Protein backbone atom coordinates (compact mmCIF):
# COMPACT_ATOMS: atom_id res chain seq x y z
CA UNK A 1 0.00 0.00 0.00
CA UNK A 2 1.27 3.52 -0.89
CA UNK A 3 0.91 6.29 1.61
CA UNK A 4 -0.89 9.45 0.41
CA UNK A 5 1.76 11.99 1.40
CA UNK A 6 2.45 15.59 0.30
CA UNK A 7 4.81 14.63 -2.54
CA UNK A 8 2.26 12.29 -4.00
CA UNK A 9 -0.40 14.98 -3.87
CA UNK A 10 1.86 17.61 -5.56
CA UNK A 11 2.83 15.21 -8.36
CA UNK A 12 -0.80 14.29 -8.88
CA UNK A 13 -1.87 17.95 -9.10
CA UNK A 14 0.98 18.75 -11.52
CA UNK A 15 0.01 15.84 -13.81
CA UNK A 16 -3.64 16.91 -13.64
CA UNK A 17 -2.73 20.47 -14.70
CA UNK A 18 -0.72 19.11 -17.65
CA UNK A 19 -3.66 16.93 -18.67
CA UNK A 20 -5.87 20.02 -18.79
CA UNK A 21 -3.27 22.24 -20.46
CA UNK A 22 -2.61 19.94 -23.45
CA UNK A 23 -6.27 19.89 -24.69
CA UNK A 24 -6.49 23.66 -24.24
CA UNK A 25 -3.38 24.18 -26.40
CA UNK A 26 -4.75 21.77 -29.04
CA UNK A 27 -8.07 23.59 -29.21
CA UNK A 28 -6.30 26.93 -29.66
CA UNK A 29 -4.08 25.52 -32.42
CA UNK A 30 -7.09 24.10 -34.25
CA UNK A 31 -8.98 27.40 -34.10
CA UNK A 32 -6.13 29.86 -34.75
CA UNK A 33 -3.78 28.00 -37.07
CA UNK A 34 -4.22 26.87 -40.62
CA UNK A 35 -4.93 23.16 -40.82
CA UNK A 36 -2.05 21.14 -42.23
CA UNK A 37 -0.54 17.68 -42.04
CA UNK A 38 1.97 18.67 -39.37
CA UNK A 39 -0.86 20.04 -37.20
CA UNK A 40 -2.77 16.77 -37.48
CA UNK A 41 0.35 14.78 -36.54
CA UNK A 42 0.77 17.10 -33.56
CA UNK A 43 -2.82 16.46 -32.47
CA UNK A 44 -2.36 12.67 -32.62
CA UNK A 45 0.97 12.85 -30.75
CA UNK A 46 -0.59 15.06 -28.06
CA UNK A 47 -3.48 12.57 -27.68
CA UNK A 48 -1.01 9.75 -26.98
CA UNK A 49 0.88 12.07 -24.62
CA UNK A 50 -2.42 12.82 -22.85
CA UNK A 51 -3.00 9.09 -22.32
CA UNK A 52 0.60 8.75 -21.09
CA UNK A 53 0.03 11.51 -18.51
CA UNK A 54 -3.21 9.86 -17.45
CA UNK A 55 -1.37 6.60 -16.89
CA UNK A 56 1.27 8.38 -14.79
CA UNK A 57 -1.51 10.11 -12.91
CA UNK A 58 -3.14 6.79 -12.11
CA UNK A 59 0.17 5.18 -11.20
CA UNK A 60 0.82 7.96 -8.73
CA UNK A 61 -2.71 8.40 -7.43
CA UNK A 62 -3.91 4.83 -6.80
CA UNK A 63 -3.05 3.29 -3.45
CA UNK A 64 -3.23 -0.33 -4.53
CA UNK A 65 0.19 -1.24 -5.92
CA UNK A 66 -1.21 -4.26 -7.75
CA UNK A 67 -2.78 -2.12 -10.53
CA UNK A 68 0.21 0.16 -10.91
CA UNK A 69 2.09 -2.09 -13.35
CA UNK A 70 -0.86 -2.14 -15.80
CA UNK A 71 -0.96 1.65 -16.01
CA UNK A 72 2.81 1.82 -16.22
CA UNK A 73 2.84 -0.56 -19.21
CA UNK A 74 0.05 1.38 -20.92
CA UNK A 75 1.92 4.64 -20.30
CA UNK A 76 5.12 3.31 -21.89
CA UNK A 77 3.15 2.14 -24.93
CA UNK A 78 1.43 5.55 -25.34
CA UNK A 79 4.72 7.40 -24.89
CA UNK A 80 6.29 5.21 -27.60
CA UNK A 81 3.35 5.86 -29.93
CA UNK A 82 3.61 9.60 -29.26
CA UNK A 83 7.32 9.62 -30.11
CA UNK A 84 6.69 7.53 -33.25
CA UNK A 85 3.97 10.00 -34.34
CA UNK A 86 6.29 12.97 -33.81
CA UNK A 87 9.06 11.29 -35.83
CA UNK A 88 6.58 10.44 -38.62
CA UNK A 89 5.37 14.04 -38.67
CA UNK A 90 8.92 15.37 -38.95
CA UNK A 91 9.65 12.95 -41.81
CA UNK A 92 6.47 13.96 -43.69
CA UNK A 93 7.13 17.66 -43.12
CA UNK A 94 10.72 17.34 -44.35
CA UNK A 95 9.67 15.38 -47.41
CA UNK A 96 6.88 17.77 -48.41
CA UNK A 97 8.98 20.87 -47.85
CA UNK A 98 12.24 19.65 -49.33
CA UNK A 99 11.80 21.77 -52.46
CA UNK A 100 10.98 24.83 -50.35
CA UNK A 101 14.04 24.32 -48.18
CA UNK A 102 16.15 23.82 -51.30
CA UNK A 103 14.82 27.09 -52.77
CA UNK A 104 15.52 28.92 -49.53
CA UNK A 105 19.13 27.71 -49.55
CA UNK A 106 19.58 28.87 -53.15
CA UNK A 107 17.54 32.11 -53.00
CA UNK A 108 19.72 35.26 -53.13
CA UNK A 109 19.34 38.20 -50.83
CA UNK A 110 16.31 40.10 -52.14
CA UNK A 111 17.71 43.40 -50.90
CA UNK A 112 20.79 42.86 -53.09
CA UNK A 113 18.54 42.10 -56.05
CA UNK A 114 16.46 45.23 -55.52
CA UNK A 115 19.58 47.38 -55.23
CA UNK A 116 20.64 46.62 -58.82
CA UNK A 117 17.20 47.09 -60.38
CA UNK A 118 16.87 50.45 -62.13
CA UNK A 119 13.09 50.59 -61.66
CA UNK A 120 11.61 52.09 -58.50
CA UNK A 121 10.22 49.27 -56.33
CA UNK A 122 8.05 49.75 -53.23
CA UNK A 123 6.93 46.74 -51.16
CA UNK A 124 4.27 46.99 -48.46
CA UNK A 125 2.58 44.44 -46.22
CA UNK A 126 -1.13 43.73 -45.93
CA UNK A 127 -1.50 46.47 -43.28
CA UNK A 128 -0.15 49.14 -45.64
CA UNK A 129 3.24 49.51 -43.94
CA UNK A 130 6.12 49.95 -46.41
CA UNK A 131 8.73 47.31 -45.56
CA UNK A 132 11.21 47.62 -48.42
CA UNK A 133 12.27 50.13 -51.09
CA UNK A 134 15.26 50.46 -53.38
CA UNK A 135 17.41 53.47 -54.25
CA UNK A 136 15.60 54.49 -57.49
CA UNK A 137 12.39 54.85 -55.46
CA UNK A 138 13.84 57.49 -53.12
CA UNK A 139 12.58 60.51 -55.18
CA UNK A 140 9.09 58.98 -55.21
CA UNK A 141 8.75 57.34 -51.80
CA UNK A 142 9.89 58.96 -48.56
CA UNK A 143 7.01 57.54 -46.52
CA UNK A 144 6.56 54.60 -44.19
CA UNK A 145 2.98 53.77 -45.09
CA UNK A 146 0.96 53.58 -48.31
CA UNK A 147 -1.46 56.24 -47.04
CA UNK A 148 1.43 58.70 -46.58
CA UNK A 149 2.76 57.73 -50.00
CA UNK A 150 -0.59 58.55 -51.61
CA UNK A 151 -0.70 61.93 -49.85
CA UNK A 152 2.78 62.78 -51.16
CA UNK A 153 1.96 61.64 -54.69
CA UNK A 154 -1.21 63.74 -54.68
CA UNK A 155 0.97 66.85 -54.61
CA UNK A 156 3.28 65.59 -57.38
CA UNK A 157 0.73 64.32 -59.89
CA UNK A 158 -2.31 65.56 -61.73
CA UNK A 159 -5.76 64.64 -60.46
CA UNK A 160 -6.25 62.15 -63.30
CA UNK A 161 -2.95 60.36 -62.64
CA UNK A 162 -3.55 60.36 -58.88
CA UNK A 163 -6.89 58.60 -59.36
CA UNK A 164 -5.10 55.90 -61.39
CA UNK A 165 -2.51 55.38 -58.64
CA UNK A 166 -5.08 55.42 -55.83
CA UNK A 167 -7.38 52.91 -57.54
CA UNK A 168 -4.47 50.58 -58.31
CA UNK A 169 -3.13 50.64 -54.72
CA UNK A 170 -6.57 50.22 -53.13
CA UNK A 171 -7.40 47.29 -55.46
CA UNK A 172 -4.11 45.47 -54.95
CA UNK A 173 -5.72 42.01 -55.17
CA UNK A 174 -5.30 42.17 -58.94
CA UNK A 175 -2.55 43.40 -61.23
CA UNK A 176 -3.03 46.99 -62.41
CA UNK A 177 -1.02 48.89 -65.04
CA UNK A 178 -1.09 52.57 -65.97
CA UNK A 179 1.08 55.37 -67.33
CA UNK A 180 1.40 58.30 -64.92
CA UNK A 181 3.45 61.47 -64.61
CA UNK A 182 5.22 62.30 -61.34
CA UNK A 183 7.05 65.63 -61.09
CA UNK A 184 6.82 66.01 -64.89
CA UNK A 185 8.50 62.62 -65.35
CA UNK A 186 6.61 59.80 -67.09
CA UNK A 187 6.42 56.35 -65.49
CA UNK A 188 4.83 53.02 -66.37
CA UNK A 189 3.27 51.86 -63.09
CA UNK A 190 2.57 48.20 -62.24
CA UNK A 191 0.80 47.31 -58.98
CA UNK A 192 0.66 43.58 -58.19
CA UNK A 193 -0.30 41.54 -55.10
CA UNK A 194 2.17 39.37 -53.19
CA UNK A 195 0.57 35.96 -52.72
CA UNK A 196 1.18 32.79 -50.76
CA UNK A 197 -0.51 29.52 -51.72
CA UNK A 198 -1.69 31.34 -54.90
CA UNK A 199 -4.70 32.94 -53.19
CA UNK A 200 -3.80 34.61 -49.89
CA UNK A 201 -2.60 38.21 -50.27
CA UNK A 202 0.15 39.15 -47.81
CA UNK A 203 1.33 42.41 -49.37
CA UNK A 204 1.58 44.61 -52.44
CA UNK A 205 4.41 45.38 -54.85
CA UNK A 206 4.47 48.77 -56.62
CA UNK A 207 6.85 49.26 -59.53
CA UNK A 208 7.54 52.52 -61.40
CA UNK A 209 9.42 52.11 -64.69
CA UNK A 210 10.85 55.38 -66.02
CA UNK A 211 9.64 55.92 -69.60
CA UNK A 212 10.49 59.62 -69.85
CA UNK A 213 13.07 59.01 -72.59
CA UNK A 214 10.60 56.97 -74.61
CA UNK A 215 7.86 59.60 -74.21
CA UNK A 216 10.26 62.40 -75.18
CA UNK A 217 11.39 60.44 -78.22
CA UNK A 218 7.77 59.82 -79.23
CA UNK A 219 7.03 63.54 -78.94
CA UNK A 220 10.10 64.38 -81.04
CA UNK A 221 9.01 61.89 -83.69
CA UNK A 222 5.49 63.34 -83.62
CA UNK A 223 6.85 66.90 -84.00
CA UNK A 224 9.11 65.81 -86.85
CA UNK A 225 6.15 64.12 -88.50
CA UNK A 226 4.12 67.34 -88.25
CA UNK A 227 7.04 69.31 -89.71
CA UNK A 228 7.40 66.81 -92.55
CA UNK A 229 3.68 67.08 -93.32
CA UNK A 230 3.92 70.88 -93.42
CA UNK A 231 7.04 70.67 -95.60
CA UNK A 232 5.22 68.23 -97.90
CA UNK A 233 2.28 70.60 -98.24
CA UNK A 234 4.65 73.49 -98.92
CA UNK A 235 6.49 71.39 -101.49
CA UNK A 236 3.24 70.59 -103.27
CA UNK A 237 2.37 74.28 -103.35
CA UNK A 238 5.83 75.13 -104.69
CA UNK A 239 5.49 72.49 -107.40
CA UNK A 240 2.12 73.90 -108.39
CA UNK A 241 3.59 77.41 -108.50
CA UNK A 242 6.57 76.15 -110.50
CA UNK A 243 4.29 74.44 -113.02
CA UNK A 244 2.15 77.55 -113.26
CA UNK A 245 5.26 79.66 -113.89
CA UNK A 246 6.48 77.26 -116.57
CA UNK A 247 3.10 77.37 -118.31
CA UNK A 248 3.03 81.15 -118.02
CA UNK A 249 6.51 81.26 -119.52
CA UNK A 250 5.33 79.15 -122.45
CA UNK A 251 2.40 81.51 -123.01
CA UNK A 252 4.72 84.50 -122.92
CA UNK A 253 7.04 82.81 -125.41
CA UNK A 254 4.09 82.19 -127.74
CA UNK A 255 2.91 85.76 -127.38
CA UNK A 256 6.45 86.98 -127.99
CA UNK A 257 6.73 84.85 -131.12
CA UNK A 258 3.39 86.28 -132.35
CA UNK A 259 4.62 89.79 -131.65
CA UNK A 260 7.92 89.21 -133.46
CA UNK A 261 6.20 87.56 -136.40
CA UNK A 262 3.69 90.39 -136.76
CA UNK A 263 6.43 92.98 -136.41
CA UNK A 264 8.56 91.32 -139.09
CA UNK A 265 5.67 90.92 -141.49
CA UNK A 266 4.48 94.49 -140.99
CA UNK A 267 8.01 95.78 -141.39
CA UNK A 268 8.47 93.81 -144.58
CA UNK A 269 5.16 95.15 -145.97
CA UNK A 270 6.15 98.72 -145.10
CA UNK A 271 9.50 98.24 -146.77
CA UNK A 272 7.87 96.76 -149.86
CA UNK A 273 5.38 99.66 -150.14
CA UNK A 274 8.23 102.19 -149.81
CA UNK A 275 10.22 100.43 -152.52
CA UNK A 276 7.13 100.20 -154.70
CA UNK A 277 6.43 103.93 -154.42
CA UNK A 278 10.05 104.78 -155.23
CA UNK A 279 10.09 102.51 -158.28
CA UNK A 280 6.77 103.80 -159.53
CA UNK A 281 7.88 107.44 -159.26
CA UNK A 282 11.02 106.73 -161.24
CA UNK A 283 9.19 104.83 -163.97
CA UNK A 284 6.15 107.08 -164.02
CA UNK A 285 3.89 104.05 -164.40
CA UNK A 286 1.42 103.39 -161.56
CA UNK A 287 0.67 99.64 -161.29
CA UNK A 288 -1.05 99.02 -157.95
CA UNK A 289 -2.35 95.55 -158.79
CA UNK A 290 0.98 93.83 -158.22
CA UNK A 291 1.58 95.84 -155.05
CA UNK A 292 -1.79 94.89 -153.59
CA UNK A 293 -1.25 91.24 -154.46
CA UNK A 294 2.15 91.20 -152.77
CA UNK A 295 0.81 92.96 -149.68
CA UNK A 296 -2.13 90.55 -149.53
CA UNK A 297 0.20 87.54 -149.69
CA UNK A 298 2.35 88.88 -146.89
CA UNK A 299 -0.74 89.57 -144.72
CA UNK A 300 -2.01 86.03 -145.42
CA UNK A 301 1.31 84.56 -144.25
CA UNK A 302 1.22 86.72 -141.15
CA UNK A 303 -2.33 85.57 -140.42
CA UNK A 304 -1.33 81.90 -140.73
CA UNK A 305 1.53 82.37 -138.31
CA UNK A 306 -0.71 84.18 -135.81
CA UNK A 307 -3.42 81.51 -136.12
CA UNK A 308 -0.91 78.72 -135.45
CA UNK A 309 0.43 80.55 -132.40
CA UNK A 310 -3.09 81.16 -131.07
CA UNK A 311 -3.87 77.45 -131.57
CA UNK A 312 -0.82 76.47 -129.47
CA UNK A 313 -1.83 78.97 -126.81
CA UNK A 314 -5.35 77.45 -126.66
CA UNK A 315 -3.83 73.97 -126.16
CA UNK A 316 -1.78 75.19 -123.22
CA UNK A 317 -4.87 76.75 -121.62
CA UNK A 318 -6.71 73.42 -121.87
CA UNK A 319 -3.87 71.70 -119.99
CA UNK A 320 -4.44 74.02 -117.06
């Protein structure tokens, strides 16, 4: 028979408290933690540990020594099963997370990666606290929270661009893209969520890619295109003017040829009449029939030349 002394009572109370504490911890884990295989293994191992504590409790509490060996044997068995369950859980956890552990060993320092990226990168957690930035983002972000960042950007952007940024940051569960201007510098903004398990959002990543050079080049090309169009229009007008001047020159040449032809014919007729009068005075015989015939022939030739020139002039007018 075992005597119920103070040590026995203290050990019994301590084991009883542990028996109550283990279920309370399990209930909290089940309600607060995400269910996973390792959690289930932990629940099974704790159940065996609970039985082991109960066996110790009974071994210590009962007075009849004859039943003590049965509880002791059961306690050893439950303790062994608890240890086996823990080992099995560790093996399963290691096997399922081997690829993750391998990636963690090979993953570089993200801060070093961000430091060499030329784009401005701002990373914030789910509560809106900015946890990481790189050097190119210093002119844009000097805040510690996304709300402060939005207030600062409101002063540096137009109302239209600020609405784009605000909507993208507030709807960070999906990827948003937009072109905005900050302090008269153009950026291509990309806001994307940071996910775990492909569905749970734990933060937001904001990237600003400087496209000022591309925008300036596009404006230069657009201005050059406008200048080329104006030059093309001016060239067309100059060609039209040049063609009109060439046609006008041809008309003037025709008119000049008419004028010269008429002048020559008239001069020849005048000379002939003068010679005819002189010859008639010397001979004393007045024969006007031959003179009129000669003058008529010369006038006919002059008329033919003028008619041909006028015909050419009419053709040129039709071309216009």
